[in-house]
């Protein structure tokens, strides 16, 4: 599946985070096992064809998720934003440190530097050897990962509640005190080179890169998540340090916590990030211009039995959220499918499932990527070139139909599917944490979904058609044609 980020995980060798261990440095003396499981949200009865029998507009309580504690937001003395929701019934604690320093902010001179920044995480620091870092992490039983995205680099950990202080210190130390000497660079170059080898064999990653590069004119959101091969040996530690000095500043850092005490999280953030100063941005180091969607066509030829294509349109940023949720409903209207039995009664009548069966596609799935100032909505198709051409034209035809009329039964099904997806996300600590990084009120977003109207979907579909589509393909192009005007 297409993804907005590249992720690396650093799990401990412990099989379970439920094991109680003694913490060092006075952070905690014993880890407590969280006993209360997450309370499952109630689900509706399903109709064999149209999904949930009740209308989401009439049964708001059906998907209502009780917010155990209000989301709290506090800025530290130097303006780092701390966001948290302390609910002790949802399992483990999750803390994410979002730094607005993704690949979109690179310039041509330092393309790939964000990839190197992400690779310098979870290695030796000025305070710890790599061995000590691994040992300290294992003692907590925690789970740590880093994600390099187009807009943010995210450092996240999940653990038992009492292990949060120790893990917060370890992760913060890796961010603030990461060792960036010239002699450390070679191992990072080798790691990035291994990434390039891995990603070069992934059709989905190559398609995702081509999609953004074509849609956004090879700039801002069109910058690659991956260091280009021509810059692999050119990135220096000075460039890494300059990039971090420019973007790792208080106003660009958000700390998001789930199942943690807000005042404790603020105090930890103040301790670990309170000394960072806001400095003027060096325009030679970072690019802060707004993204611009242009669309277009791109093909990557490869010796393959099948073809993979993405047909995408300009969509909405995640703010305003009502518009964003309209596109989420539109994704469910498009649906997903594959040739043969799809395994879900609720989705068998979607346009993509019909097209997949009609043209014998291996896979057909809709997606929506939302960023701070732009978005992409589209479909990912896998099959023979001719079948993809016919299916993509079928999607275009359906979007044109949606711009004029939306069937009530289809809208109801799509809204219920979107509600179910969001409510399922909000049942886990990690899901809530990701949600809080963009939105504050769960009820507001659920209401935004419930209140999407046919007119909203029609307007969104019409807006999609105002700009040129983006059509990128990888693999065997035999039979692949240009799309109907």
Protein backbone atom coordinates (compact mmCIF):
# COMPACT_ATOMS: atom_id res chain seq x y z
CA UNK A 1 0.00 0.00 0.00
CA UNK A 2 1.19 3.51 -0.80
CA UNK A 3 2.48 5.35 2.26
CA UNK A 4 3.29 8.93 3.19
CA UNK A 5 6.41 8.01 5.16
CA UNK A 6 9.42 5.71 5.33
CA UNK A 7 9.59 3.97 8.69
CA UNK A 8 12.36 2.34 10.71
CA UNK A 9 11.61 0.44 13.90
CA UNK A 10 13.90 -0.21 16.84
CA UNK A 11 12.12 -2.77 19.02
CA UNK A 12 13.76 -4.10 22.14
CA UNK A 13 14.71 -7.73 22.49
CA UNK A 14 12.01 -8.23 25.14
CA UNK A 15 8.96 -10.05 23.85
CA UNK A 16 6.57 -8.11 26.05
CA UNK A 17 6.39 -4.65 27.54
CA UNK A 18 4.43 -6.06 30.46
CA UNK A 19 7.54 -7.15 32.35
CA UNK A 20 8.26 -5.05 35.43
CA UNK A 21 11.82 -3.79 35.64
CA UNK A 22 13.66 -1.41 37.87
CA UNK A 23 14.32 1.99 36.26
CA UNK A 24 17.58 3.91 36.52
CA UNK A 25 18.28 7.61 37.12
CA UNK A 26 15.39 7.99 39.55
CA UNK A 27 12.69 8.06 36.87
CA UNK A 28 10.70 5.17 38.32
CA UNK A 29 11.24 2.26 40.66
CA UNK A 30 8.74 -0.17 39.22
CA UNK A 31 6.63 -0.50 36.09
CA UNK A 32 2.95 -1.11 36.62
CA UNK A 33 0.93 -3.36 34.33
CA UNK A 34 -2.08 -1.57 32.88
CA UNK A 35 -5.03 -3.78 33.70
CA UNK A 36 -7.96 -2.05 32.06
CA UNK A 37 -8.34 -2.96 28.39
CA UNK A 38 -9.59 -0.50 25.81
CA UNK A 39 -13.35 -0.24 25.73
CA UNK A 40 -14.51 -1.27 22.30
CA UNK A 41 -16.72 1.16 20.42
CA UNK A 42 -20.14 -0.32 19.54
CA UNK A 43 -20.57 -1.37 15.94
CA UNK A 44 -23.79 -1.35 13.91
CA UNK A 45 -25.72 -4.20 12.39
CA UNK A 46 -24.78 -4.60 8.73
CA UNK A 47 -27.07 -4.88 5.77
CA UNK A 48 -25.84 -7.39 3.22
CA UNK A 49 -25.57 -4.77 0.46
CA UNK A 50 -25.44 -1.27 1.81
CA UNK A 51 -23.52 -1.60 5.05
CA UNK A 52 -24.86 -0.37 8.42
CA UNK A 53 -28.66 -0.33 8.42
CA UNK A 54 -28.97 2.89 10.40
CA UNK A 55 -28.15 6.28 8.98
CA UNK A 56 -25.15 7.85 10.73
CA UNK A 57 -27.07 11.12 10.78
CA UNK A 58 -29.80 9.54 12.91
CA UNK A 59 -27.71 7.34 15.21
CA UNK A 60 -24.90 9.55 16.41
CA UNK A 61 -24.52 7.52 19.57
CA UNK A 62 -23.63 4.50 17.45
CA UNK A 63 -20.09 5.65 16.83
CA UNK A 64 -19.76 8.08 19.73
CA UNK A 65 -16.37 7.66 21.39
CA UNK A 66 -16.24 8.87 24.95
CA UNK A 67 -13.28 11.18 25.41
CA UNK A 68 -12.13 10.19 28.89
CA UNK A 69 -10.12 13.36 29.34
CA UNK A 70 -10.02 16.57 27.35
CA UNK A 71 -7.02 17.11 25.12
CA UNK A 72 -4.68 19.57 26.81
CA UNK A 73 -2.30 21.89 24.97
CA UNK A 74 0.54 23.82 26.61
CA UNK A 75 3.49 25.73 25.19
CA UNK A 76 6.77 25.51 27.07
CA UNK A 77 8.75 28.62 27.98
CA UNK A 78 10.52 28.51 24.60
CA UNK A 79 7.36 27.68 22.59
CA UNK A 80 7.56 23.90 22.11
CA UNK A 81 3.94 22.74 21.91
CA UNK A 82 2.88 19.85 24.17
CA UNK A 83 -0.38 18.04 23.37
CA UNK A 84 -1.78 15.16 25.40
CA UNK A 85 -4.86 13.16 26.30
CA UNK A 86 -4.56 11.18 29.51
CA UNK A 87 -6.84 8.14 29.35
CA UNK A 88 -5.72 5.20 31.45
CA UNK A 89 -8.12 2.68 29.91
CA UNK A 90 -6.55 2.45 26.45
CA UNK A 91 -3.47 0.34 27.11
CA UNK A 92 0.12 1.52 26.75
CA UNK A 93 1.45 5.06 26.65
CA UNK A 94 2.59 6.55 23.35
CA UNK A 95 4.69 9.69 22.95
CA UNK A 96 5.66 11.20 19.59
CA UNK A 97 8.03 14.08 18.93
CA UNK A 98 7.08 15.74 15.64
CA UNK A 99 9.69 17.97 14.03
CA UNK A 100 8.56 19.97 11.01
CA UNK A 101 11.70 19.06 9.09
CA UNK A 102 10.61 16.66 6.35
CA UNK A 103 11.94 16.28 2.84
CA UNK A 104 9.80 19.13 1.44
CA UNK A 105 12.12 21.65 3.11
CA UNK A 106 15.27 20.50 1.30
CA UNK A 107 16.94 22.58 -1.39
CA UNK A 108 18.57 21.21 -4.54
CA UNK A 109 22.00 21.49 -2.91
CA UNK A 110 21.09 19.31 0.06
CA UNK A 111 18.55 16.88 -1.45
CA UNK A 112 18.68 13.77 0.71
CA UNK A 113 19.81 15.49 3.90
CA UNK A 114 16.52 14.62 5.66
CA UNK A 115 17.23 10.95 4.93
CA UNK A 116 20.62 11.33 6.65
CA UNK A 117 19.06 13.20 9.61
CA UNK A 118 16.66 10.31 10.15
CA UNK A 119 19.54 7.83 9.90
CA UNK A 120 21.53 9.62 12.62
CA UNK A 121 18.74 8.80 15.08
CA UNK A 122 19.23 5.80 17.36
CA UNK A 123 23.00 5.78 17.24
CA UNK A 124 25.76 6.97 19.55
CA UNK A 125 25.26 10.33 21.26
CA UNK A 126 27.52 12.71 23.15
CA UNK A 127 26.23 11.11 26.36
CA UNK A 128 25.84 7.45 25.40
CA UNK A 129 27.62 4.85 23.35
CA UNK A 130 25.37 2.91 21.01
CA UNK A 131 25.70 -0.15 23.27
CA UNK A 132 24.54 1.81 26.30
CA UNK A 133 21.61 3.24 24.36
CA UNK A 134 20.47 -0.25 23.37
CA UNK A 135 20.91 -1.48 26.94
CA UNK A 136 18.98 1.44 28.43
CA UNK A 137 16.18 0.94 25.93
CA UNK A 138 15.95 -2.79 26.63
CA UNK A 139 15.53 -2.12 30.34
CA UNK A 140 12.34 -0.20 29.64
CA UNK A 141 10.82 -2.89 27.43
CA UNK A 142 9.83 -0.05 25.10
CA UNK A 143 9.25 0.13 21.37
CA UNK A 144 10.89 2.98 19.46
CA UNK A 145 10.59 4.03 15.84
CA UNK A 146 11.45 6.92 13.54
CA UNK A 147 9.50 8.04 10.49
CA UNK A 148 10.86 10.33 7.81
CA UNK A 149 7.95 12.05 6.09
CA UNK A 150 7.54 14.79 3.52
CA UNK A 151 6.64 17.34 6.18
CA UNK A 152 7.86 15.91 9.48
CA UNK A 153 10.42 13.64 10.99
CA UNK A 154 8.68 11.75 13.79
CA UNK A 155 10.33 10.07 16.76
CA UNK A 156 7.89 7.82 18.60
CA UNK A 157 7.94 5.35 21.45
CA UNK A 158 5.37 3.10 23.08
CA UNK A 159 5.74 1.68 26.56
CA UNK A 160 4.13 1.11 29.91
CA UNK A 161 3.15 4.34 31.62
CA UNK A 162 5.91 4.28 34.24
CA UNK A 163 8.62 3.85 31.60
CA UNK A 164 7.72 7.08 29.81
CA UNK A 165 10.24 9.34 31.64
CA UNK A 166 13.17 7.05 30.93
CA UNK A 167 12.24 6.54 27.29
CA UNK A 168 11.57 10.25 26.79
CA UNK A 169 15.08 10.99 28.04
CA UNK A 170 16.63 8.33 25.77
CA UNK A 171 14.81 9.52 22.65
CA UNK A 172 15.43 13.20 23.43
CA UNK A 173 19.11 12.49 24.01
CA UNK A 174 19.31 10.84 20.60
CA UNK A 175 17.68 13.88 18.98
CA UNK A 176 19.51 16.63 20.87
CA UNK A 177 22.88 15.01 21.46
CA UNK A 178 23.28 12.72 18.46
CA UNK A 179 26.95 12.37 17.61
CA UNK A 180 27.59 14.08 14.27
CA UNK A 181 31.34 13.82 13.70
CA UNK A 182 32.86 13.45 10.26
CA UNK A 183 34.03 9.94 11.09
CA UNK A 184 30.43 8.94 11.89
CA UNK A 185 29.28 9.82 8.37
CA UNK A 186 30.66 6.78 6.53
CA UNK A 187 28.43 4.31 8.38
CA UNK A 188 25.42 6.53 7.66
CA UNK A 189 26.32 6.70 3.97
CA UNK A 190 26.46 2.92 3.93
CA UNK A 191 23.07 2.71 5.67
CA UNK A 192 21.50 5.16 3.22
CA UNK A 193 23.04 3.22 0.32
CA UNK A 194 21.44 0.02 1.65
CA UNK A 195 18.14 1.89 1.81
CA UNK A 196 18.54 2.89 -1.84
CA UNK A 197 19.13 -0.74 -2.82
CA UNK A 198 16.07 -1.85 -0.86
CA UNK A 199 13.78 0.88 -2.15
CA UNK A 200 14.90 0.44 -5.77
CA UNK A 201 13.25 -2.99 -5.81
CA UNK A 202 9.94 -1.77 -4.33
CA UNK A 203 7.46 -0.80 -7.02
CA UNK A 204 5.18 0.88 -4.48
CA UNK A 205 7.94 3.13 -3.14
CA UNK A 206 9.08 4.02 -6.66
CA UNK A 207 5.47 4.77 -7.66
CA UNK A 208 4.93 6.86 -4.55
CA UNK A 209 8.03 8.91 -5.29
CA UNK A 210 7.07 9.35 -8.95
CA UNK A 211 3.54 10.34 -7.93
CA UNK A 212 4.70 13.18 -5.68
CA UNK A 213 7.46 14.33 -8.01
CA UNK A 214 5.05 14.53 -10.96
CA UNK A 215 2.16 16.04 -9.00
CA UNK A 216 4.25 18.72 -7.30
CA UNK A 217 6.82 19.56 -9.99
CA UNK A 218 9.83 17.98 -8.21
CA UNK A 219 9.72 20.62 -5.46
CA UNK A 220 8.36 20.94 -1.89
CA UNK A 221 6.06 17.89 -1.53
CA UNK A 222 7.65 16.61 -4.74
CA UNK A 223 11.07 16.27 -3.10
CA UNK A 224 12.07 12.66 -2.67
CA UNK A 225 11.91 10.97 0.73
CA UNK A 226 15.01 9.08 -0.38
CA UNK A 227 18.45 10.56 -0.87
CA UNK A 228 19.11 10.66 -4.64
CA UNK A 229 22.06 8.54 -5.69
CA UNK A 230 23.90 11.56 -7.12
CA UNK A 231 23.98 13.17 -3.67
CA UNK A 232 24.84 10.07 -1.64
CA UNK A 233 28.54 10.91 -1.38
CA UNK A 234 27.98 14.67 -1.35
CA UNK A 235 26.00 15.09 1.89
CA UNK A 236 28.30 16.27 4.68
CA UNK A 237 27.94 16.44 8.44
CA UNK A 238 28.03 20.24 8.12
CA UNK A 239 24.90 20.04 5.93
CA UNK A 240 23.18 17.74 8.41
CA UNK A 241 24.00 20.08 11.30
CA UNK A 242 22.93 23.17 9.34
CA UNK A 243 19.62 21.53 8.38
CA UNK A 244 18.90 20.55 11.98
CA UNK A 245 19.94 23.96 13.33
CA UNK A 246 17.54 25.61 10.88
CA UNK A 247 14.51 23.37 11.50
CA UNK A 248 14.92 21.77 14.94
CA UNK A 249 13.68 24.92 16.67
CA UNK A 250 10.94 25.25 19.32
CA UNK A 251 8.20 26.60 17.03
CA UNK A 252 8.61 23.57 14.74
CA UNK A 253 8.53 20.90 17.47
CA UNK A 254 5.34 19.30 18.82
CA UNK A 255 5.33 16.69 21.56
CA UNK A 256 2.19 14.53 21.46
CA UNK A 257 1.39 12.17 24.33
CA UNK A 258 -1.32 9.58 24.87
CA UNK A 259 -1.97 8.02 28.27
CA UNK A 260 0.52 10.30 30.01
CA UNK A 261 0.04 12.93 32.67
CA UNK A 262 0.01 16.31 30.94
CA UNK A 263 1.91 18.23 33.60
CA UNK A 264 4.60 15.53 33.70
CA UNK A 265 4.94 15.61 29.92
CA UNK A 266 5.26 19.41 29.95
CA UNK A 267 7.95 19.19 32.64
CA UNK A 268 9.88 16.52 30.72
CA UNK A 269 9.67 18.58 27.52
CA UNK A 270 10.83 21.69 29.37
CA UNK A 271 13.78 19.76 30.77
CA UNK A 272 14.88 18.14 27.51
CA UNK A 273 13.97 20.83 24.96
CA UNK A 274 13.73 24.00 27.05
CA UNK A 275 17.24 25.18 26.17
CA UNK A 276 16.68 25.15 22.40
CA UNK A 277 16.57 28.66 20.98
CA UNK A 278 14.58 30.04 18.06
CA UNK A 279 17.00 31.07 15.34
CA UNK A 280 16.50 32.80 12.03
CA UNK A 281 15.98 30.46 9.09
CA UNK A 282 18.79 30.19 6.58
CA UNK A 283 17.05 30.23 3.19
CA UNK A 284 20.10 28.66 1.57
CA UNK A 285 19.62 25.60 3.77
CA UNK A 286 15.83 25.17 3.80
CA UNK A 287 12.95 25.79 1.40
CA UNK A 288 9.72 27.05 3.02
CA UNK A 289 7.68 27.85 -0.09
CA UNK A 290 4.11 26.55 -0.41
CA UNK A 291 3.48 23.46 -2.49
CA UNK A 292 1.97 23.79 -5.95
CA UNK A 293 0.05 20.99 -7.65
CA UNK A 294 0.56 20.72 -11.43
CA UNK A 295 -0.25 17.08 -12.35
CA UNK A 296 1.15 15.23 -15.33
CA UNK A 297 2.26 11.82 -16.59
CA UNK A 298 5.31 9.72 -15.76
CA UNK A 299 6.37 6.19 -16.69
CA UNK A 300 9.04 3.96 -15.16
CA UNK A 301 9.76 1.05 -17.49
CA UNK A 302 10.72 -2.23 -15.86
CA UNK A 303 10.86 -5.89 -16.85
CA UNK A 304 7.73 -7.09 -15.12
CA UNK A 305 4.75 -9.27 -15.88
CA UNK A 306 2.27 -6.58 -14.85
CA UNK A 307 1.88 -2.85 -14.68
CA UNK A 308 1.22 -0.73 -11.59
CA UNK A 309 -0.33 2.69 -11.99
CA UNK A 310 -1.55 5.52 -9.79
CA UNK A 311 -4.22 7.93 -10.98
CA UNK A 312 -4.44 10.91 -8.62
CA UNK A 313 -6.03 14.34 -8.32
CA UNK A 314 -5.48 17.37 -6.15
CA UNK A 315 -7.44 17.09 -2.89
CA UNK A 316 -7.56 18.96 0.40
CA UNK A 317 -5.10 19.72 3.16
CA UNK A 318 -6.13 18.33 6.55
CA UNK A 319 -7.34 21.83 7.48
CA UNK A 320 -10.18 22.75 7.11
CA UNK A 321 -11.08 19.38 8.58
CA UNK A 322 -14.66 19.28 7.21
CA UNK A 323 -13.30 19.39 3.67
CA UNK A 324 -10.68 16.78 4.51
CA UNK A 325 -13.34 14.43 5.87
CA UNK A 326 -15.36 14.92 2.68
CA UNK A 327 -12.44 13.50 0.72
CA UNK A 328 -12.22 10.63 3.20
CA UNK A 329 -15.82 9.79 2.32
CA UNK A 330 -15.01 10.11 -1.37
CA UNK A 331 -12.24 7.53 -0.92
CA UNK A 332 -14.82 5.10 0.47
CA UNK A 333 -17.11 5.82 -2.47
CA UNK A 334 -14.29 4.75 -4.78
CA UNK A 335 -13.62 1.73 -2.57
CA UNK A 336 -11.15 -1.05 -3.33
CA UNK A 337 -11.23 -4.41 -5.00
CA UNK A 338 -9.49 -7.28 -6.72
CA UNK A 339 -10.45 -9.83 -9.33
CA UNK A 340 -12.48 -12.60 -7.71
CA UNK A 341 -13.93 -12.78 -4.20
CA UNK A 342 -13.11 -9.60 -2.28
CA UNK A 343 -13.91 -10.95 1.17
CA UNK A 344 -16.18 -8.10 2.19
CA UNK A 345 -19.89 -7.77 1.57
CA UNK A 346 -19.80 -4.12 2.49
CA UNK A 347 -17.53 -3.15 -0.39
CA UNK A 348 -18.60 -5.38 -3.23
CA UNK A 349 -20.66 -2.70 -4.98
CA UNK A 350 -17.89 -0.06 -5.01
CA UNK A 351 -16.74 1.18 -8.39
CA UNK A 352 -13.20 -0.15 -7.92
CA UNK A 353 -14.46 -3.62 -7.04
CA UNK A 354 -16.64 -3.62 -10.14
CA UNK A 355 -13.76 -2.44 -12.32
CA UNK A 356 -11.37 -4.96 -10.77
CA UNK A 357 -13.69 -7.84 -11.60
CA UNK A 358 -14.59 -6.50 -15.03
CA UNK A 359 -10.97 -5.98 -16.11
CA UNK A 360 -9.32 -8.68 -13.97
CA UNK A 361 -7.16 -6.33 -11.93
CA UNK A 362 -4.89 -7.85 -9.31
CA UNK A 363 -5.52 -4.92 -6.99
CA UNK A 364 -7.42 -1.64 -6.98
CA UNK A 365 -7.42 0.62 -3.93
CA UNK A 366 -8.29 4.26 -3.27
CA UNK A 367 -6.21 6.55 -1.03
CA UNK A 368 -6.08 10.12 0.25
CA UNK A 369 -2.87 11.84 1.37
CA UNK A 370 -3.37 15.09 3.26
CA UNK A 371 -0.60 17.58 4.06
CA UNK A 372 -0.52 21.03 5.66
CA UNK A 373 -1.18 22.92 2.43
CA UNK A 374 -2.21 20.34 -0.16
CA UNK A 375 -3.43 16.81 -0.73
CA UNK A 376 -3.68 13.92 -3.19
CA UNK A 377 -6.63 11.60 -3.71
CA UNK A 378 -6.49 8.74 -6.14
CA UNK A 379 -6.42 5.04 -6.92
CA UNK A 380 -3.62 2.47 -7.05
CA UNK A 381 -4.16 -0.12 -9.80
CA UNK A 382 -2.25 -3.34 -10.52
CA UNK A 383 -2.82 -5.49 -13.62
CA UNK A 384 -2.21 -5.63 -17.34
CA UNK A 385 -1.58 -2.33 -19.11
CA UNK A 386 -4.77 -2.42 -21.16
CA UNK A 387 -6.88 -3.30 -18.12
CA UNK A 388 -5.37 -0.42 -16.17
CA UNK A 389 -6.15 2.03 -18.98
CA UNK A 390 -9.79 0.91 -19.06
CA UNK A 391 -10.08 0.96 -15.27
CA UNK A 392 -8.50 4.41 -14.95
CA UNK A 393 -10.92 5.75 -17.55
CA UNK A 394 -13.71 4.10 -15.57
CA UNK A 395 -12.58 5.96 -12.44
CA UNK A 396 -12.52 9.25 -14.37
CA UNK A 397 -16.04 8.59 -15.60
CA UNK A 398 -17.25 7.83 -12.07
CA UNK A 399 -15.70 11.00 -10.63
CA UNK A 400 -17.47 13.01 -13.33
CA UNK A 401 -20.72 11.33 -12.29
CA UNK A 402 -20.09 12.18 -8.64
CA UNK A 403 -19.66 15.83 -9.61
CA UNK A 404 -23.30 15.88 -10.72
CA UNK A 405 -25.07 13.30 -8.56
CA UNK A 406 -24.39 11.14 -5.50
CA UNK A 407 -26.74 8.29 -4.65
CA UNK A 408 -28.02 8.42 -1.07
CA UNK A 409 -27.42 4.70 -0.45
CA UNK A 410 -23.82 5.00 -1.70
CA UNK A 411 -23.20 8.08 0.42
CA UNK A 412 -24.58 6.40 3.54
CA UNK A 413 -22.41 3.33 3.04
CA UNK A 414 -19.29 5.43 2.41
CA UNK A 415 -19.87 7.58 5.50
CA UNK A 416 -20.39 4.54 7.69
CA UNK A 417 -17.20 2.96 6.38
CA UNK A 418 -15.26 6.16 7.04
CA UNK A 419 -16.77 6.38 10.54
CA UNK A 420 -15.86 2.78 11.24
CA UNK A 421 -12.29 3.34 10.07
CA UNK A 422 -11.85 6.43 12.24
CA UNK A 423 -13.50 4.89 15.30
CA UNK A 424 -11.29 1.81 14.95
CA UNK A 425 -8.21 4.04 14.83
CA UNK A 426 -9.34 5.77 18.01
CA UNK A 427 -9.50 2.49 19.93
CA UNK A 428 -5.72 2.25 20.26
CA UNK A 429 -3.17 4.47 21.97
CA UNK A 430 -1.08 4.70 18.79
CA UNK A 431 -4.15 5.61 16.75
CA UNK A 432 -5.19 8.33 19.18
CA UNK A 433 -1.65 9.68 19.19
CA UNK A 434 -1.55 9.99 15.41
CA UNK A 435 -5.00 11.62 15.43
CA UNK A 436 -3.92 14.18 18.05
CA UNK A 437 -0.96 15.23 15.95
CA UNK A 438 -3.42 16.85 13.53
CA UNK A 439 -6.74 17.24 15.31
CA UNK A 440 -7.88 17.94 18.84
CA UNK A 441 -11.51 16.86 19.26
CA UNK A 442 -12.56 13.33 18.37
CA UNK A 443 -16.22 14.30 18.51
CA UNK A 444 -15.69 17.18 16.08
CA UNK A 445 -14.12 14.93 13.45
CA UNK A 446 -16.74 12.22 13.87
CA UNK A 447 -19.42 14.89 13.49
CA UNK A 448 -17.64 16.24 10.41
CA UNK A 449 -17.91 12.79 8.86
CA UNK A 450 -21.55 12.34 9.82
CA UNK A 451 -22.45 15.74 8.41
CA UNK A 452 -20.91 15.23 4.96
CA UNK A 453 -23.67 15.81 2.40
CA UNK A 454 -24.15 14.84 -1.22
CA UNK A 455 -23.52 18.47 -2.12
CA UNK A 456 -20.16 18.34 -0.29
CA UNK A 457 -19.08 15.26 -2.25
CA UNK A 458 -20.26 16.78 -5.54
CA UNK A 459 -18.24 19.93 -4.85
CA UNK A 460 -15.14 17.87 -3.97
CA UNK A 461 -15.44 15.77 -7.13
CA UNK A 462 -15.90 18.90 -9.25
CA UNK A 463 -12.82 20.43 -7.64
CA UNK A 464 -10.79 17.31 -8.44
CA UNK A 465 -11.64 17.69 -12.12
CA UNK A 466 -10.54 21.34 -12.30
CA UNK A 467 -6.84 20.43 -12.29
CA UNK A 468 -4.96 17.98 -14.54
CA UNK A 469 -4.80 14.43 -13.18
CA UNK A 470 -1.52 12.79 -12.26
CA UNK A 471 -0.99 9.42 -13.93
CA UNK A 472 2.20 7.52 -13.10
CA UNK A 473 3.03 3.92 -14.01
CA UNK A 474 5.70 1.31 -13.31
CA UNK A 475 6.51 -2.00 -14.98
CA UNK A 476 5.22 -3.55 -18.20
CA UNK A 477 3.64 -0.76 -20.26
CA UNK A 478 2.32 -3.06 -22.98
CA UNK A 479 -1.25 -1.95 -23.71
CA UNK A 480 -1.11 1.11 -21.46
CA UNK A 481 -2.63 4.11 -23.21
CA UNK A 482 -3.16 7.78 -22.44
CA UNK A 483 -6.37 8.55 -20.58
CA UNK A 484 -9.55 9.88 -22.13
CA UNK A 485 -9.78 13.65 -22.07
